[in-house]
Amino acid sequence: MKTVLQFAAVALLVAAVSGQALAGDLNVGSCQFASQSTLPQLPSQTVKLTVHQYYDAASAELKNSAVIDSAGPAFVWASETKFACGKALGYLRSGTVDKESVQKCDCSYNRLTTLR
């Protein structure tokens, strides 16, 4: 009986620790206030140029060994920026300004640049 209780306690501890790490990772890798971005309200050509600039900057950061080897969230934000801006660029190429993807691109880029 004691072994079963010990196993259950260890399983509970592992689940709790894993849940905390996951919650922390999700918090680091998300833009909770992306809706505060005003970028989608600009003329579509300005949005396209800005999003492309952010995408290129994130791509360059992902080739930077300091970012790749960073113990902090720099790599996460560079990856998030490249992904979000790439998605926004896909919409923009078809002539659509997808407000949500542009806001996430802007937010991620701003988080990335505050790490410098």
N, C-alpha and C. Protein backbone atom coordinates (compact mmCIF):
# COMPACT_ATOMS: atom_id res chain seq x y z
N MET A 1 0.82 -1.19 0.00
CA MET A 1 0.00 0.00 0.00
C MET A 1 0.87 1.26 0.00
N LYS A 2 1.94 1.24 0.78
CA LYS A 2 2.81 2.39 0.86
C LYS A 2 3.42 2.71 -0.51
N THR A 3 3.81 1.69 -1.27
CA THR A 3 4.41 1.88 -2.59
C THR A 3 3.41 2.54 -3.54
N VAL A 4 2.17 2.15 -3.49
CA VAL A 4 1.14 2.73 -4.35
C VAL A 4 0.95 4.20 -4.00
N LEU A 5 0.94 4.51 -2.72
CA LEU A 5 0.79 5.91 -2.29
C LEU A 5 2.01 6.74 -2.70
N GLN A 6 3.20 6.16 -2.59
CA GLN A 6 4.40 6.88 -3.00
C GLN A 6 4.38 7.15 -4.50
N PHE A 7 3.96 6.14 -5.27
CA PHE A 7 3.87 6.30 -6.72
C PHE A 7 2.87 7.40 -7.08
N ALA A 8 1.73 7.39 -6.39
CA ALA A 8 0.70 8.40 -6.66
C ALA A 8 1.22 9.80 -6.30
N ALA A 9 1.95 9.90 -5.21
CA ALA A 9 2.49 11.19 -4.80
C ALA A 9 3.51 11.70 -5.81
N VAL A 10 4.37 10.81 -6.28
CA VAL A 10 5.36 11.19 -7.28
C VAL A 10 4.67 11.60 -8.58
N ALA A 11 3.66 10.85 -9.00
CA ALA A 11 2.92 11.17 -10.22
C ALA A 11 2.24 12.53 -10.11
N LEU A 12 1.68 12.81 -8.94
CA LEU A 12 1.04 14.11 -8.71
C LEU A 12 2.06 15.24 -8.77
N LEU A 13 3.21 15.02 -8.17
CA LEU A 13 4.26 16.02 -8.17
C LEU A 13 4.75 16.29 -9.59
N VAL A 14 4.97 15.25 -10.35
CA VAL A 14 5.42 15.41 -11.74
C VAL A 14 4.38 16.16 -12.55
N ALA A 15 3.12 15.82 -12.38
CA ALA A 15 2.05 16.50 -13.11
C ALA A 15 1.98 17.98 -12.73
N ALA A 16 2.15 18.27 -11.45
CA ALA A 16 2.09 19.66 -10.99
C ALA A 16 3.25 20.47 -11.54
N VAL A 17 4.46 19.90 -11.49
CA VAL A 17 5.64 20.60 -11.99
C VAL A 17 5.53 20.77 -13.50
N SER A 18 5.10 19.75 -14.21
CA SER A 18 4.95 19.85 -15.66
C SER A 18 3.92 20.91 -16.02
N GLY A 19 2.84 20.96 -15.29
CA GLY A 19 1.81 21.97 -15.54
C GLY A 19 2.33 23.37 -15.33
N GLN A 20 3.15 23.57 -14.31
CA GLN A 20 3.71 24.89 -14.05
C GLN A 20 4.66 25.30 -15.17
N ALA A 21 5.48 24.38 -15.62
CA ALA A 21 6.42 24.70 -16.69
C ALA A 21 5.67 25.03 -17.97
N LEU A 22 4.64 24.27 -18.25
CA LEU A 22 3.86 24.51 -19.45
C LEU A 22 3.17 25.86 -19.38
N ALA A 23 2.58 26.16 -18.25
CA ALA A 23 1.89 27.45 -18.10
C ALA A 23 2.88 28.59 -18.27
N GLY A 24 4.06 28.45 -17.71
CA GLY A 24 5.08 29.48 -17.85
C GLY A 24 5.52 29.63 -19.30
N ASP A 25 5.70 28.52 -20.00
CA ASP A 25 6.10 28.56 -21.39
C ASP A 25 5.03 29.24 -22.24
N LEU A 26 3.78 28.94 -21.98
CA LEU A 26 2.72 29.55 -22.77
C LEU A 26 2.66 31.05 -22.52
N ASN A 27 2.89 31.46 -21.29
CA ASN A 27 2.86 32.88 -20.97
C ASN A 27 4.00 33.61 -21.68
N VAL A 28 5.18 32.99 -21.74
CA VAL A 28 6.32 33.61 -22.40
C VAL A 28 6.09 33.68 -23.90
N GLY A 29 5.40 32.70 -24.47
CA GLY A 29 5.25 32.61 -25.91
C GLY A 29 3.94 33.13 -26.45
N SER A 30 3.31 34.07 -25.78
CA SER A 30 2.05 34.59 -26.32
C SER A 30 2.01 36.11 -26.16
N CYS A 31 1.19 36.71 -27.00
CA CYS A 31 0.98 38.17 -26.93
C CYS A 31 -0.44 38.38 -26.44
N GLN A 32 -0.58 38.55 -25.16
CA GLN A 32 -1.91 38.66 -24.57
C GLN A 32 -2.58 39.99 -24.92
N PHE A 33 -1.82 41.00 -25.25
CA PHE A 33 -2.39 42.31 -25.51
C PHE A 33 -2.19 42.74 -26.96
N ALA A 34 -2.18 41.79 -27.87
CA ALA A 34 -1.97 42.09 -29.28
C ALA A 34 -3.04 43.03 -29.81
N SER A 35 -4.22 42.97 -29.23
CA SER A 35 -5.32 43.81 -29.72
C SER A 35 -5.05 45.30 -29.53
N GLN A 36 -4.02 45.64 -28.75
CA GLN A 36 -3.68 47.05 -28.55
C GLN A 36 -2.90 47.64 -29.72
N SER A 37 -2.49 46.79 -30.66
CA SER A 37 -1.74 47.25 -31.82
C SER A 37 -2.61 48.10 -32.73
N THR A 38 -2.04 49.19 -33.20
CA THR A 38 -2.75 50.06 -34.14
C THR A 38 -2.27 49.84 -35.58
N LEU A 39 -1.34 48.92 -35.77
CA LEU A 39 -0.79 48.68 -37.10
C LEU A 39 -1.85 48.34 -38.14
N PRO A 40 -2.86 47.52 -37.84
CA PRO A 40 -3.86 47.21 -38.86
C PRO A 40 -4.68 48.41 -39.33
N GLN A 41 -4.66 49.49 -38.59
CA GLN A 41 -5.44 50.67 -38.95
C GLN A 41 -4.73 51.57 -39.96
N LEU A 42 -3.45 51.28 -40.21
CA LEU A 42 -2.68 52.08 -41.17
C LEU A 42 -3.03 51.66 -42.60
N PRO A 43 -2.65 52.46 -43.60
CA PRO A 43 -2.90 52.06 -44.99
C PRO A 43 -2.27 50.69 -45.28
N SER A 44 -2.93 49.90 -46.12
CA SER A 44 -2.50 48.52 -46.34
C SER A 44 -1.06 48.42 -46.87
N GLN A 45 -0.62 49.37 -47.68
CA GLN A 45 0.76 49.33 -48.18
C GLN A 45 1.76 49.53 -47.04
N THR A 46 1.44 50.40 -46.11
CA THR A 46 2.29 50.62 -44.93
C THR A 46 2.33 49.37 -44.07
N VAL A 47 1.17 48.75 -43.90
CA VAL A 47 1.09 47.50 -43.12
C VAL A 47 1.97 46.44 -43.76
N LYS A 48 1.86 46.30 -45.07
CA LYS A 48 2.63 45.28 -45.78
C LYS A 48 4.13 45.51 -45.63
N LEU A 49 4.57 46.75 -45.82
CA LEU A 49 6.00 47.07 -45.69
C LEU A 49 6.50 46.82 -44.26
N THR A 50 5.71 47.23 -43.28
CA THR A 50 6.10 47.06 -41.88
C THR A 50 6.17 45.59 -41.50
N VAL A 51 5.15 44.83 -41.89
CA VAL A 51 5.13 43.40 -41.57
C VAL A 51 6.31 42.69 -42.23
N HIS A 52 6.60 43.06 -43.46
CA HIS A 52 7.74 42.45 -44.16
C HIS A 52 9.05 42.80 -43.45
N GLN A 53 9.18 44.04 -43.00
CA GLN A 53 10.37 44.47 -42.25
C GLN A 53 10.51 43.65 -40.96
N TYR A 54 9.42 43.47 -40.25
CA TYR A 54 9.45 42.69 -39.00
C TYR A 54 9.83 41.24 -39.28
N TYR A 55 9.27 40.68 -40.35
CA TYR A 55 9.58 39.29 -40.73
C TYR A 55 11.08 39.15 -41.03
N ASP A 56 11.63 40.08 -41.81
CA ASP A 56 13.05 40.03 -42.14
C ASP A 56 13.92 40.18 -40.90
N ALA A 57 13.53 41.07 -40.00
CA ALA A 57 14.29 41.27 -38.77
C ALA A 57 14.29 40.01 -37.90
N ALA A 58 13.13 39.36 -37.80
CA ALA A 58 13.04 38.13 -37.01
C ALA A 58 13.87 37.02 -37.65
N SER A 59 13.84 36.93 -38.97
CA SER A 59 14.64 35.93 -39.68
C SER A 59 16.12 36.13 -39.40
N ALA A 60 16.56 37.38 -39.41
CA ALA A 60 17.96 37.68 -39.12
C ALA A 60 18.31 37.32 -37.68
N GLU A 61 17.41 37.61 -36.75
CA GLU A 61 17.65 37.28 -35.34
C GLU A 61 17.79 35.77 -35.14
N LEU A 62 17.03 35.00 -35.91
CA LEU A 62 17.08 33.55 -35.77
C LEU A 62 18.37 32.95 -36.33
N LYS A 63 19.15 33.75 -37.01
CA LYS A 63 20.47 33.31 -37.50
C LYS A 63 21.58 33.79 -36.58
N ASN A 64 21.24 34.61 -35.61
CA ASN A 64 22.20 35.20 -34.67
C ASN A 64 22.49 34.18 -33.56
N SER A 65 23.75 33.82 -33.40
CA SER A 65 24.10 32.81 -32.40
C SER A 65 23.76 33.25 -30.98
N ALA A 66 23.80 34.55 -30.72
CA ALA A 66 23.44 35.04 -29.39
C ALA A 66 21.97 34.77 -29.09
N VAL A 67 21.13 34.86 -30.10
CA VAL A 67 19.70 34.58 -29.93
C VAL A 67 19.47 33.08 -29.84
N ILE A 68 20.13 32.33 -30.71
CA ILE A 68 19.96 30.87 -30.72
C ILE A 68 20.38 30.27 -29.39
N ASP A 69 21.47 30.75 -28.83
CA ASP A 69 22.00 30.20 -27.58
C ASP A 69 21.46 30.89 -26.34
N SER A 70 20.56 31.82 -26.50
CA SER A 70 20.05 32.60 -25.38
C SER A 70 19.31 31.73 -24.37
N ALA A 71 19.57 31.98 -23.10
CA ALA A 71 18.83 31.29 -22.04
C ALA A 71 17.51 31.99 -21.77
N GLY A 72 17.36 33.20 -22.28
CA GLY A 72 16.13 33.96 -22.10
C GLY A 72 15.14 33.70 -23.23
N PRO A 73 14.13 34.54 -23.32
CA PRO A 73 13.06 34.31 -24.31
C PRO A 73 13.34 34.89 -25.70
N ALA A 74 14.56 35.33 -25.99
CA ALA A 74 14.84 35.94 -27.29
C ALA A 74 14.51 35.01 -28.45
N PHE A 75 14.91 33.76 -28.35
CA PHE A 75 14.64 32.81 -29.43
C PHE A 75 13.14 32.59 -29.60
N VAL A 76 12.42 32.52 -28.49
CA VAL A 76 10.96 32.32 -28.55
C VAL A 76 10.31 33.49 -29.27
N TRP A 77 10.70 34.72 -28.92
CA TRP A 77 10.07 35.88 -29.54
C TRP A 77 10.49 36.06 -30.99
N ALA A 78 11.72 35.71 -31.32
CA ALA A 78 12.13 35.77 -32.73
C ALA A 78 11.33 34.76 -33.54
N SER A 79 11.15 33.57 -33.01
CA SER A 79 10.36 32.54 -33.70
C SER A 79 8.90 32.95 -33.82
N GLU A 80 8.36 33.47 -32.74
CA GLU A 80 6.96 33.90 -32.73
C GLU A 80 6.74 35.04 -33.73
N THR A 81 7.69 35.97 -33.79
CA THR A 81 7.59 37.08 -34.73
C THR A 81 7.62 36.59 -36.16
N LYS A 82 8.56 35.70 -36.46
CA LYS A 82 8.66 35.18 -37.83
C LYS A 82 7.38 34.44 -38.22
N PHE A 83 6.87 33.62 -37.32
CA PHE A 83 5.65 32.88 -37.61
C PHE A 83 4.45 33.81 -37.80
N ALA A 84 4.24 34.73 -36.86
CA ALA A 84 3.07 35.62 -36.92
C ALA A 84 3.15 36.55 -38.13
N CYS A 85 4.33 37.08 -38.40
CA CYS A 85 4.47 37.98 -39.54
C CYS A 85 4.38 37.22 -40.87
N GLY A 86 4.86 35.99 -40.89
CA GLY A 86 4.72 35.16 -42.09
C GLY A 86 3.26 34.89 -42.40
N LYS A 87 2.50 34.61 -41.37
CA LYS A 87 1.06 34.40 -41.54
C LYS A 87 0.38 35.67 -42.05
N ALA A 88 0.74 36.80 -41.45
CA ALA A 88 0.16 38.09 -41.89
C ALA A 88 0.54 38.39 -43.34
N LEU A 89 1.78 38.08 -43.71
CA LEU A 89 2.22 38.31 -45.09
C LEU A 89 1.43 37.45 -46.07
N GLY A 90 1.12 36.24 -45.67
CA GLY A 90 0.31 35.37 -46.52
C GLY A 90 -1.04 36.00 -46.83
N TYR A 91 -1.68 36.53 -45.82
CA TYR A 91 -2.96 37.22 -46.03
C TYR A 91 -2.76 38.47 -46.88
N LEU A 92 -1.70 39.23 -46.60
CA LEU A 92 -1.47 40.48 -47.32
C LEU A 92 -1.20 40.24 -48.80
N ARG A 93 -0.55 39.12 -49.13
CA ARG A 93 -0.28 38.80 -50.54
C ARG A 93 -1.57 38.58 -51.31
N SER A 94 -2.61 38.14 -50.61
CA SER A 94 -3.90 37.94 -51.28
C SER A 94 -4.77 39.19 -51.21
N GLY A 95 -4.21 40.28 -50.67
CA GLY A 95 -4.95 41.54 -50.60
C GLY A 95 -5.79 41.72 -49.35
N THR A 96 -5.62 40.83 -48.39
CA THR A 96 -6.40 40.89 -47.16
C THR A 96 -5.53 41.33 -46.00
N VAL A 97 -5.99 42.32 -45.26
CA VAL A 97 -5.31 42.70 -44.02
C VAL A 97 -6.03 41.95 -42.90
N ASP A 98 -5.41 40.84 -42.47
CA ASP A 98 -5.99 40.06 -41.37
C ASP A 98 -5.58 40.72 -40.06
N LYS A 99 -6.53 41.37 -39.44
CA LYS A 99 -6.27 42.19 -38.25
C LYS A 99 -5.56 41.39 -37.16
N GLU A 100 -6.03 40.19 -36.88
CA GLU A 100 -5.46 39.40 -35.78
C GLU A 100 -4.00 39.02 -36.05
N SER A 101 -3.70 38.55 -37.24
CA SER A 101 -2.32 38.14 -37.52
C SER A 101 -1.38 39.36 -37.57
N VAL A 102 -1.85 40.49 -38.06
CA VAL A 102 -1.04 41.71 -38.08
C VAL A 102 -0.78 42.18 -36.64
N GLN A 103 -1.79 42.11 -35.80
CA GLN A 103 -1.63 42.52 -34.39
C GLN A 103 -0.63 41.61 -33.68
N LYS A 104 -0.71 40.31 -33.92
CA LYS A 104 0.23 39.38 -33.28
C LYS A 104 1.65 39.60 -33.79
N CYS A 105 1.78 39.90 -35.07
CA CYS A 105 3.09 40.21 -35.65
C CYS A 105 3.68 41.43 -34.96
N ASP A 106 2.89 42.47 -34.85
CA ASP A 106 3.34 43.71 -34.22
C ASP A 106 3.71 43.49 -32.76
N CYS A 107 2.87 42.79 -32.05
CA CYS A 107 3.12 42.53 -30.63
C CYS A 107 4.39 41.71 -30.44
N SER A 108 4.53 40.65 -31.21
CA SER A 108 5.70 39.78 -31.08
C SER A 108 6.99 40.53 -31.40
N TYR A 109 6.94 41.34 -32.44
CA TYR A 109 8.11 42.12 -32.81
C TYR A 109 8.47 43.11 -31.69
N ASN A 110 7.48 43.74 -31.12
CA ASN A 110 7.74 44.67 -30.01
C ASN A 110 8.32 43.96 -28.80
N ARG A 111 7.84 42.76 -28.52
CA ARG A 111 8.41 41.98 -27.41
C ARG A 111 9.85 41.61 -27.71
N LEU A 112 10.12 41.23 -28.96
CA LEU A 112 11.47 40.87 -29.37
C LEU A 112 12.41 42.06 -29.23
N THR A 113 11.99 43.22 -29.67
CA THR A 113 12.88 44.38 -29.65
C THR A 113 13.09 44.93 -28.23
N THR A 114 12.18 44.65 -27.32
CA THR A 114 12.40 45.10 -25.93
C THR A 114 13.46 44.24 -25.23
N LEU A 115 13.80 43.11 -25.82
CA LEU A 115 14.82 42.24 -25.23
C LEU A 115 16.24 42.70 -25.56
N ARG A 116 16.37 43.56 -26.52
CA ARG A 116 17.71 44.01 -26.96
C ARG A 116 18.34 44.94 -25.97
